[in-house]
Amino acid sequence: MSDTPVSETKTNKIRKIKYDGREFPDPGAEFSNEDILSNLKSVFPELANARISVTDQSDGTHEVLFEKVAGTKG
């Protein structure tokens, strides 16, 4: 069981935020997945072109996974 706090989304599901094998606290249901990504970009600039994957887990939670996508340079 994780010690990371999670919150319920607007659909009353618990949301787990993950990136690079780490779990981050959910800032709250009022923040969309895109809002959370925008915040994470300030700490992890490699997420500039990130993909968001949401999967429903068997325990009733939403797992929100941010995956970096390789971009092109200049």
PDB file of N, CA and C in Angstrom:
ATOM      1  N   MET A   1       0.842  -1.184   0.000  1.00  0.00           N
ATOM      2  CA  MET A   1       0.000   0.000   0.000  1.00  0.00           C
ATOM      3  C   MET A   1       0.885   1.244   0.000  1.00  0.00           C
ATOM      4  N   SER A   2       0.538   2.217  -0.762  1.00  0.00           N
ATOM      5  CA  SER A   2       1.334   3.428  -0.906  1.00  0.00           C
ATOM      6  C   SER A   2       0.979   4.453   0.159  1.00  0.00           C
ATOM      7  N   ASP A   3       1.988   5.181   0.607  1.00  0.00           N
ATOM      8  CA  ASP A   3       1.761   6.264   1.561  1.00  0.00           C
ATOM      9  C   ASP A   3       1.409   7.556   0.859  1.00  0.00           C
ATOM     10  N   THR A   4       1.435   7.564  -0.472  1.00  0.00           N
ATOM     11  CA  THR A   4       1.156   8.758  -1.243  1.00  0.00           C
ATOM     12  C   THR A   4      -0.327   9.092  -1.173  1.00  0.00           C
ATOM     13  N   PRO A   5      -0.643  10.332  -0.786  1.00  0.00           N
ATOM     14  CA  PRO A   5      -2.057  10.707  -0.744  1.00  0.00           C
ATOM     15  C   PRO A   5      -2.651  10.792  -2.144  1.00  0.00           C
ATOM     16  N   VAL A   6      -3.851  10.362  -2.275  1.00  0.00           N
ATOM     17  CA  VAL A   6      -4.571  10.462  -3.540  1.00  0.00           C
ATOM     18  C   VAL A   6      -5.920  11.101  -3.262  1.00  0.00           C
ATOM     19  N   SER A   7      -6.523  11.651  -4.287  1.00  0.00           N
ATOM     20  CA  SER A   7      -7.844  12.242  -4.088  1.00  0.00           C
ATOM     21  C   SER A   7      -8.812  11.660  -5.091  1.00  0.00           C
ATOM     22  N   GLU A   8     -10.081  11.919  -4.871  1.00  0.00           N
ATOM     23  CA  GLU A   8     -11.107  11.415  -5.764  1.00  0.00           C
ATOM     24  C   GLU A   8     -11.324  12.391  -6.906  1.00  0.00           C
ATOM     25  N   THR A   9     -11.537  11.853  -8.097  1.00  0.00           N
ATOM     26  CA  THR A   9     -11.810  12.684  -9.255  1.00  0.00           C
ATOM     27  C   THR A   9     -13.305  13.002  -9.293  1.00  0.00           C
ATOM     28  N   LYS A  10     -13.710  13.774 -10.272  1.00  0.00           N
ATOM     29  CA  LYS A  10     -15.122  14.148 -10.395  1.00  0.00           C
ATOM     30  C   LYS A  10     -16.023  12.950 -10.608  1.00  0.00           C
ATOM     31  N   THR A  11     -15.446  11.829 -11.059  1.00  0.00           N
ATOM     32  CA  THR A  11     -16.240  10.620 -11.250  1.00  0.00           C
ATOM     33  C   THR A  11     -16.176   9.725 -10.012  1.00  0.00           C
ATOM     34  N   ASN A  12     -15.734  10.283  -8.881  1.00  0.00           N
ATOM     35  CA  ASN A  12     -15.623   9.580  -7.616  1.00  0.00           C
ATOM     36  C   ASN A  12     -14.660   8.403  -7.664  1.00  0.00           C
ATOM     37  N   LYS A  13     -13.692   8.459  -8.534  1.00  0.00           N
ATOM     38  CA  LYS A  13     -12.641   7.454  -8.587  1.00  0.00           C
ATOM     39  C   LYS A  13     -11.374   8.060  -8.019  1.00  0.00           C
ATOM     40  N   ILE A  14     -10.582   7.244  -7.393  1.00  0.00           N
ATOM     41  CA  ILE A  14      -9.304   7.702  -6.864  1.00  0.00           C
ATOM     42  C   ILE A  14      -8.295   7.727  -8.012  1.00  0.00           C
ATOM     43  N   ARG A  15      -7.472   8.777  -8.048  1.00  0.00           N
ATOM     44  CA  ARG A  15      -6.520   8.977  -9.129  1.00  0.00           C
ATOM     45  C   ARG A  15      -5.098   8.839  -8.583  1.00  0.00           C
ATOM     46  N   LYS A  16      -4.287   8.008  -9.250  1.00  0.00           N
ATOM     47  CA  LYS A  16      -2.872   7.860  -8.914  1.00  0.00           C
ATOM     48  C   LYS A  16      -2.067   8.477 -10.052  1.00  0.00           C
ATOM     49  N   ILE A  17      -1.201   9.414  -9.716  1.00  0.00           N
ATOM     50  CA  ILE A  17      -0.402  10.138 -10.696  1.00  0.00           C
ATOM     51  C   ILE A  17       0.990   9.514 -10.730  1.00  0.00           C
ATOM     52  N   LYS A  18       1.442   9.077 -11.921  1.00  0.00           N
ATOM     53  CA  LYS A  18       2.742   8.410 -12.024  1.00  0.00           C
ATOM     54  C   LYS A  18       3.557   8.958 -13.187  1.00  0.00           C
ATOM     55  N   TYR A  19       4.867   9.051 -12.930  1.00  0.00           N
ATOM     56  CA  TYR A  19       5.823   9.400 -13.981  1.00  0.00           C
ATOM     57  C   TYR A  19       7.175   8.791 -13.620  1.00  0.00           C
ATOM     58  N   ASP A  20       7.796   8.157 -14.569  1.00  0.00           N
ATOM     59  CA  ASP A  20       9.149   7.634 -14.434  1.00  0.00           C
ATOM     60  C   ASP A  20       9.301   6.719 -13.208  1.00  0.00           C
ATOM     61  N   GLY A  21       8.297   5.876 -12.981  1.00  0.00           N
ATOM     62  CA  GLY A  21       8.359   4.925 -11.875  1.00  0.00           C
ATOM     63  C   GLY A  21       8.067   5.517 -10.506  1.00  0.00           C
ATOM     64  N   ARG A  22       7.701   6.785 -10.454  1.00  0.00           N
ATOM     65  CA  ARG A  22       7.396   7.455  -9.189  1.00  0.00           C
ATOM     66  C   ARG A  22       5.928   7.835  -9.138  1.00  0.00           C
ATOM     67  N   GLU A  23       5.392   7.866  -7.934  1.00  0.00           N
ATOM     68  CA  GLU A  23       3.996   8.280  -7.745  1.00  0.00           C
ATOM     69  C   GLU A  23       3.975   9.646  -7.071  1.00  0.00           C
ATOM     70  N   PHE A  24       3.119  10.521  -7.575  1.00  0.00           N
ATOM     71  CA  PHE A  24       3.024  11.883  -7.064  1.00  0.00           C
ATOM     72  C   PHE A  24       1.645  12.106  -6.459  1.00  0.00           C
ATOM     73  N   PRO A  25       1.560  12.993  -5.467  1.00  0.00           N
ATOM     74  CA  PRO A  25       0.255  13.275  -4.861  1.00  0.00           C
ATOM     75  C   PRO A  25      -0.688  13.939  -5.854  1.00  0.00           C
ATOM     76  N   ASP A  26      -1.936  13.565  -5.788  1.00  0.00           N
ATOM     77  CA  ASP A  26      -2.968  14.171  -6.625  1.00  0.00           C
ATOM     78  C   ASP A  26      -3.314  15.529  -6.013  1.00  0.00           C
ATOM     79  N   PRO A  27      -3.202  16.616  -6.779  1.00  0.00           N
ATOM     80  CA  PRO A  27      -3.490  17.940  -6.224  1.00  0.00           C
ATOM     81  C   PRO A  27      -4.975  18.186  -5.963  1.00  0.00           C
ATOM     82  N   GLY A  28      -5.834  17.319  -6.456  1.00  0.00           N
ATOM     83  CA  GLY A  28      -7.265  17.472  -6.210  1.00  0.00           C
ATOM     84  C   GLY A  28      -8.083  17.312  -7.472  1.00  0.00           C
ATOM     85  N   ALA A  29      -9.346  17.016  -7.273  1.00  0.00           N
ATOM     86  CA  ALA A  29     -10.252  16.745  -8.390  1.00  0.00           C
ATOM     87  C   ALA A  29     -10.474  17.966  -9.275  1.00  0.00           C
ATOM     88  N   GLU A  30     -10.233  19.157  -8.755  1.00  0.00           N
ATOM     89  CA  GLU A  30     -10.448  20.363  -9.560  1.00  0.00           C
ATOM     90  C   GLU A  30      -9.355  20.548 -10.618  1.00  0.00           C
ATOM     91  N   PHE A  31      -8.290  19.754 -10.559  1.00  0.00           N
ATOM     92  CA  PHE A  31      -7.215  19.829 -11.539  1.00  0.00           C
ATOM     93  C   PHE A  31      -7.353  18.698 -12.550  1.00  0.00           C
ATOM     94  N   SER A  32      -7.366  19.056 -13.827  1.00  0.00           N
ATOM     95  CA  SER A  32      -7.443  18.049 -14.885  1.00  0.00           C
ATOM     96  C   SER A  32      -6.073  17.391 -15.043  1.00  0.00           C
ATOM     97  N   ASN A  33      -6.036  16.302 -15.791  1.00  0.00           N
ATOM     98  CA  ASN A  33      -4.765  15.638 -16.069  1.00  0.00           C
ATOM     99  C   ASN A  33      -3.817  16.579 -16.802  1.00  0.00           C
ATOM    100  N   GLU A  34      -4.354  17.417 -17.673  1.00  0.00           N
ATOM    101  CA  GLU A  34      -3.540  18.389 -18.410  1.00  0.00           C
ATOM    102  C   GLU A  34      -2.967  19.445 -17.465  1.00  0.00           C
ATOM    103  N   ASP A  35      -3.744  19.865 -16.465  1.00  0.00           N
ATOM    104  CA  ASP A  35      -3.249  20.816 -15.462  1.00  0.00           C
ATOM    105  C   ASP A  35      -2.081  20.216 -14.683  1.00  0.00           C
ATOM    106  N   ILE A  36      -2.221  18.950 -14.324  1.00  0.00           N
ATOM    107  CA  ILE A  36      -1.171  18.268 -13.575  1.00  0.00           C
ATOM    108  C   ILE A  36       0.084  18.153 -14.440  1.00  0.00           C
ATOM    109  N   LEU A  37      -0.092  17.802 -15.715  1.00  0.00           N
ATOM    110  CA  LEU A  37       1.040  17.715 -16.624  1.00  0.00           C
ATOM    111  C   LEU A  37       1.746  19.063 -16.741  1.00  0.00           C
ATOM    112  N   SER A  38       0.986  20.112 -16.864  1.00  0.00           N
ATOM    113  CA  SER A  38       1.562  21.454 -16.962  1.00  0.00           C
ATOM    114  C   SER A  38       2.424  21.766 -15.743  1.00  0.00           C
ATOM    115  N   ASN A  39       1.970  21.376 -14.573  1.00  0.00           N
ATOM    116  CA  ASN A  39       2.727  21.593 -13.348  1.00  0.00           C
ATOM    117  C   ASN A  39       3.991  20.729 -13.324  1.00  0.00           C
ATOM    118  N   LEU A  40       3.875  19.474 -13.732  1.00  0.00           N
ATOM    119  CA  LEU A  40       5.041  18.589 -13.744  1.00  0.00           C
ATOM    120  C   LEU A  40       6.103  19.054 -14.736  1.00  0.00           C
ATOM    121  N   LYS A  41       5.689  19.710 -15.821  1.00  0.00           N
ATOM    122  CA  LYS A  41       6.648  20.198 -16.815  1.00  0.00           C
ATOM    123  C   LYS A  41       7.629  21.201 -16.222  1.00  0.00           C
ATOM    124  N   SER A  42       7.205  21.927 -15.198  1.00  0.00           N
ATOM    125  CA  SER A  42       8.099  22.909 -14.582  1.00  0.00           C
ATOM    126  C   SER A  42       9.241  22.222 -13.836  1.00  0.00           C
ATOM    127  N   VAL A  43       9.028  20.985 -13.410  1.00  0.00           N
ATOM    128  CA  VAL A  43      10.054  20.223 -12.706  1.00  0.00           C
ATOM    129  C   VAL A  43      10.774  19.255 -13.652  1.00  0.00           C
ATOM    130  N   PHE A  44      10.027  18.716 -14.607  1.00  0.00           N
ATOM    131  CA  PHE A  44      10.556  17.744 -15.560  1.00  0.00           C
ATOM    132  C   PHE A  44      10.362  18.274 -16.980  1.00  0.00           C
ATOM    133  N   PRO A  45      11.285  19.093 -17.489  1.00  0.00           N
ATOM    134  CA  PRO A  45      11.107  19.690 -18.811  1.00  0.00           C
ATOM    135  C   PRO A  45      10.997  18.659 -19.942  1.00  0.00           C
ATOM    136  N   GLU A  46      11.469  17.455 -19.709  1.00  0.00           N
ATOM    137  CA  GLU A  46      11.372  16.416 -20.738  1.00  0.00           C
ATOM    138  C   GLU A  46       9.928  16.007 -21.014  1.00  0.00           C
ATOM    139  N   LEU A  47       8.986  16.462 -20.194  1.00  0.00           N
ATOM    140  CA  LEU A  47       7.566  16.170 -20.395  1.00  0.00           C
ATOM    141  C   LEU A  47       6.897  17.147 -21.356  1.00  0.00           C
ATOM    142  N   ALA A  48       7.670  17.986 -22.020  1.00  0.00           N
ATOM    143  CA  ALA A  48       7.105  18.989 -22.938  1.00  0.00           C
ATOM    144  C   ALA A  48       6.218  18.363 -24.006  1.00  0.00           C
ATOM    145  N   ASN A  49       6.559  17.167 -24.458  1.00  0.00           N
ATOM    146  CA  ASN A  49       5.768  16.482 -25.484  1.00  0.00           C
ATOM    147  C   ASN A  49       5.158  15.201 -24.933  1.00  0.00           C
ATOM    148  N   ALA A  50       4.799  15.218 -23.676  1.00  0.00           N
ATOM    149  CA  ALA A  50       4.356  13.999 -22.993  1.00  0.00           C
ATOM    150  C   ALA A  50       3.016  13.478 -23.491  1.00  0.00           C
ATOM    151  N   ARG A  51       2.866  12.179 -23.315  1.00  0.00           N
ATOM    152  CA  ARG A  51       1.609  11.494 -23.605  1.00  0.00           C
ATOM    153  C   ARG A  51       0.979  11.149 -22.257  1.00  0.00           C
ATOM    154  N   ILE A  52      -0.336  11.283 -22.162  1.00  0.00           N
ATOM    155  CA  ILE A  52      -1.076  10.950 -20.945  1.00  0.00           C
ATOM    156  C   ILE A  52      -1.856   9.670 -21.204  1.00  0.00           C
ATOM    157  N   SER A  53      -1.634   8.669 -20.361  1.00  0.00           N
ATOM    158  CA  SER A  53      -2.381   7.415 -20.447  1.00  0.00           C
ATOM    159  C   SER A  53      -3.155   7.223 -19.156  1.00  0.00           C
ATOM    160  N   VAL A  54      -4.445   6.961 -19.281  1.00  0.00           N
ATOM    161  CA  VAL A  54      -5.280   6.730 -18.100  1.00  0.00           C
ATOM    162  C   VAL A  54      -5.847   5.322 -18.196  1.00  0.00           C
ATOM    163  N   THR A  55      -5.619   4.546 -17.160  1.00  0.00           N
ATOM    164  CA  THR A  55      -6.157   3.185 -17.118  1.00  0.00           C
ATOM    165  C   THR A  55      -6.918   2.987 -15.820  1.00  0.00           C
ATOM    166  N   ASP A  56      -7.997   2.224 -15.906  1.00  0.00           N
ATOM    167  CA  ASP A  56      -8.760   1.863 -14.716  1.00  0.00           C
ATOM    168  C   ASP A  56      -8.149   0.604 -14.122  1.00  0.00           C
ATOM    169  N   GLN A  57      -7.843   0.647 -12.854  1.00  0.00           N
ATOM    170  CA  GLN A  57      -7.256  -0.487 -12.159  1.00  0.00           C
ATOM    171  C   GLN A  57      -8.342  -1.350 -11.526  1.00  0.00           C
ATOM    172  N   SER A  58      -7.996  -2.581 -11.232  1.00  0.00           N
ATOM    173  CA  SER A  58      -8.973  -3.509 -10.650  1.00  0.00           C
ATOM    174  C   SER A  58      -9.414  -3.084  -9.248  1.00  0.00           C
ATOM    175  N   ASP A  59      -8.609  -2.253  -8.580  1.00  0.00           N
ATOM    176  CA  ASP A  59      -8.992  -1.792  -7.240  1.00  0.00           C
ATOM    177  C   ASP A  59      -9.884  -0.553  -7.278  1.00  0.00           C
ATOM    178  N   GLY A  60     -10.305  -0.142  -8.487  1.00  0.00           N
ATOM    179  CA  GLY A  60     -11.229   0.981  -8.628  1.00  0.00           C
ATOM    180  C   GLY A  60     -10.572   2.335  -8.798  1.00  0.00           C
ATOM    181  N   THR A  61      -9.251   2.386  -8.920  1.00  0.00           N
ATOM    182  CA  THR A  61      -8.564   3.660  -9.088  1.00  0.00           C
ATOM    183  C   THR A  61      -8.297   3.939 -10.563  1.00  0.00           C
ATOM    184  N   HIS A  62      -8.075   5.226 -10.874  1.00  0.00           N
ATOM    185  CA  HIS A  62      -7.592   5.649 -12.194  1.00  0.00           C
ATOM    186  C   HIS A  62      -6.087   5.808 -12.053  1.00  0.00           C
ATOM    187  N   GLU A  63      -5.319   5.170 -12.909  1.00  0.00           N
ATOM    188  CA  GLU A  63      -3.879   5.390 -12.925  1.00  0.00           C
ATOM    189  C   GLU A  63      -3.585   6.328 -14.078  1.00  0.00           C
ATOM    190  N   VAL A  64      -3.039   7.498 -13.759  1.00  0.00           N
ATOM    191  CA  VAL A  64      -2.692   8.499 -14.762  1.00  0.00           C
ATOM    192  C   VAL A  64      -1.185   8.443 -14.930  1.00  0.00           C
ATOM    193  N   LEU A  65      -0.738   8.003 -16.102  1.00  0.00           N
ATOM    194  CA  LEU A  65       0.685   7.827 -16.372  1.00  0.00           C
ATOM    195  C   LEU A  65       1.128   8.856 -17.395  1.00  0.00           C
ATOM    196  N   PHE A  66       2.162   9.609 -17.047  1.00  0.00           N
ATOM    197  CA  PHE A  66       2.753  10.577 -17.965  1.00  0.00           C
ATOM    198  C   PHE A  66       4.004   9.945 -18.556  1.00  0.00           C
ATOM    199  N   GLU A  67       4.064   9.884 -19.894  1.00  0.00           N
ATOM    200  CA  GLU A  67       5.206   9.279 -20.589  1.00  0.00           C
ATOM    201  C   GLU A  67       5.848  10.304 -21.503  1.00  0.00           C
ATOM    202  N   LYS A  68       7.168  10.443 -21.369  1.00  0.00           N
ATOM    203  CA  LYS A  68       7.839  11.384 -22.254  1.00  0.00           C
ATOM    204  C   LYS A  68       7.899  10.813 -23.659  1.00  0.00           C
ATOM    205  N   VAL A  69       7.781  11.709 -24.635  1.00  0.00           N
ATOM    206  CA  VAL A  69       7.814  11.351 -26.038  1.00  0.00           C
ATOM    207  C   VAL A  69       8.984  12.086 -26.658  1.00  0.00           C
ATOM    208  N   ALA A  70       9.809  11.388 -27.386  1.00  0.00           N
ATOM    209  CA  ALA A  70      10.968  12.007 -28.014  1.00  0.00           C
ATOM    210  C   ALA A  70      10.511  13.035 -29.049  1.00  0.00           C
ATOM    211  N   GLY A  71      11.092  14.203 -28.964  1.00  0.00           N
ATOM    212  CA  GLY A  71      10.783  15.249 -29.927  1.00  0.00           C
ATOM    213  C   GLY A  71      11.954  15.415 -30.892  1.00  0.00           C
ATOM    214  N   THR A  72      11.844  16.376 -31.779  1.00  0.00           N
ATOM    215  CA  THR A  72      12.935  16.648 -32.720  1.00  0.00           C
ATOM    216  C   THR A  72      13.568  17.972 -32.375  1.00  0.00           C
ATOM    217  N   LYS A  73      14.846  18.090 -32.636  1.00  0.00           N
ATOM    218  CA  LYS A  73      15.547  19.343 -32.380  1.00  0.00           C
ATOM    219  C   LYS A  73      15.681  20.118 -33.679  1.00  0.00           C
ATOM    220  N   GLY A  74      15.564  21.427 -33.521  1.00  0.00           N
ATOM    221  CA  GLY A  74      15.755  22.436 -34.526  1.00  0.00           C
ATOM    222  C   GLY A  74      15.733  22.060 -35.888  1.00  0.00           C
TER     223      GLY A  74
END
